[in-house]
Amino acid sequence: MMVFLIAEKDLELRGPGEFFGTKQSGVPAFKFANIVKDKALLDEAKILAKEILAKDPNLSSSENRLLRERYDKYYRHREKLFKY
């Protein structure tokens, strides 16, 4: 569809802005992925993240300890900016 082509081009040119903040355009602080070029990889990561949270919503298992620590360090203070 033409609307999606325009939206994707806009995303490519201006960037998505902040996911958990107030900045509406610009390049996010991704270190390993490009939100446009790596869409398939990011979609797969989203599926895997949902699977992990379905099995362990509080990330309390030993295998998810590192995920919980990283979440607490980088995102816990931003929870009030989004609803899930």
Protein backbone atom coordinates (compact mmCIF):
# COMPACT_ATOMS: atom_id res chain seq x y z
CA MET A 1 0.00 0.00 0.00
CA MET A 2 1.14 3.51 -0.77
CA VAL A 3 0.52 4.72 2.81
CA PHE A 4 2.96 2.18 4.21
CA LEU A 5 5.58 3.06 1.60
CA ILE A 6 5.38 6.72 2.58
CA ALA A 7 5.47 5.89 6.29
CA GLU A 8 8.47 3.57 5.86
CA LYS A 9 10.35 6.20 3.84
CA ASP A 10 9.57 8.81 6.51
CA LEU A 11 10.83 6.42 9.20
CA GLU A 12 13.99 5.80 7.20
CA LEU A 13 14.64 9.52 6.70
CA ARG A 14 13.67 10.97 10.09
CA GLY A 15 14.09 8.01 12.41
CA PRO A 16 11.58 6.73 14.95
CA GLY A 17 12.47 8.95 17.88
CA GLU A 18 12.46 7.55 21.40
CA PHE A 19 10.42 4.48 22.24
CA PHE A 20 10.20 5.27 25.94
CA GLY A 21 10.62 9.02 25.84
CA THR A 22 9.25 12.20 24.33
CA LYS A 23 11.47 12.75 21.27
CA GLN A 24 9.32 12.21 18.17
CA SER A 25 12.02 11.86 15.54
CA GLY A 26 15.69 11.06 15.28
CA VAL A 27 17.82 7.99 15.52
CA PRO A 28 17.31 5.85 18.63
CA ALA A 29 20.24 4.53 20.63
CA PHE A 30 20.29 1.07 19.02
CA LYS A 31 23.80 -0.30 19.11
CA PHE A 32 23.38 -3.34 16.90
CA ALA A 33 20.31 -2.91 14.70
CA ASN A 34 18.83 -0.52 12.17
CA ILE A 35 15.08 -0.21 12.68
CA VAL A 36 14.41 -0.08 8.93
CA LYS A 37 17.01 -2.45 7.49
CA ASP A 38 16.75 -5.02 10.30
CA LYS A 39 12.95 -5.13 10.55
CA ALA A 40 12.75 -8.92 10.17
CA LEU A 41 15.35 -9.47 12.87
CA LEU A 42 13.60 -7.03 15.22
CA ASP A 43 10.25 -8.72 14.56
CA GLU A 44 11.79 -12.06 15.53
CA ALA A 45 13.27 -10.51 18.68
CA LYS A 46 9.82 -9.20 19.59
CA ILE A 47 8.31 -12.69 19.20
CA LEU A 48 11.04 -14.22 21.36
CA ALA A 49 10.62 -11.51 24.02
CA LYS A 50 6.89 -12.22 24.18
CA GLU A 51 7.61 -15.94 24.59
CA ILE A 52 10.02 -15.26 27.45
CA LEU A 53 7.53 -12.97 29.20
CA ALA A 54 4.68 -15.46 28.72
CA LYS A 55 6.72 -18.11 30.56
CA ASP A 56 8.30 -15.78 33.14
CA PRO A 57 6.40 -12.44 33.41
CA ASN A 58 8.56 -11.11 36.25
CA LEU A 59 11.83 -12.40 34.79
CA SER A 60 12.44 -14.11 38.12
CA SER A 61 13.99 -17.36 36.89
CA SER A 62 17.74 -17.76 37.04
CA GLU A 63 17.99 -17.95 33.25
CA ASN A 64 16.35 -14.50 32.96
CA ARG A 65 18.30 -12.85 35.79
CA LEU A 66 20.48 -10.81 33.43
CA LEU A 67 17.43 -9.59 31.48
CA ARG A 68 15.84 -8.45 34.74
CA GLU A 69 19.01 -6.65 35.83
CA ARG A 70 19.30 -4.84 32.49
CA TYR A 71 15.61 -3.90 32.54
CA ASP A 72 15.89 -2.52 36.05
CA LYS A 73 19.03 -0.57 35.18
CA TYR A 74 17.90 0.98 31.90
CA TYR A 75 14.10 0.96 31.73
CA ARG A 76 12.48 0.67 35.19
CA HIS A 77 12.52 4.46 35.68
CA ARG A 78 10.73 4.93 32.34
CA GLU A 79 7.74 2.69 33.11
CA LYS A 80 5.52 5.66 33.87
CA LEU A 81 5.93 6.81 30.24
CA PHE A 82 4.24 3.75 28.77
CA LYS A 83 1.49 1.30 29.49
CA TYR A 84 1.60 -2.31 28.48
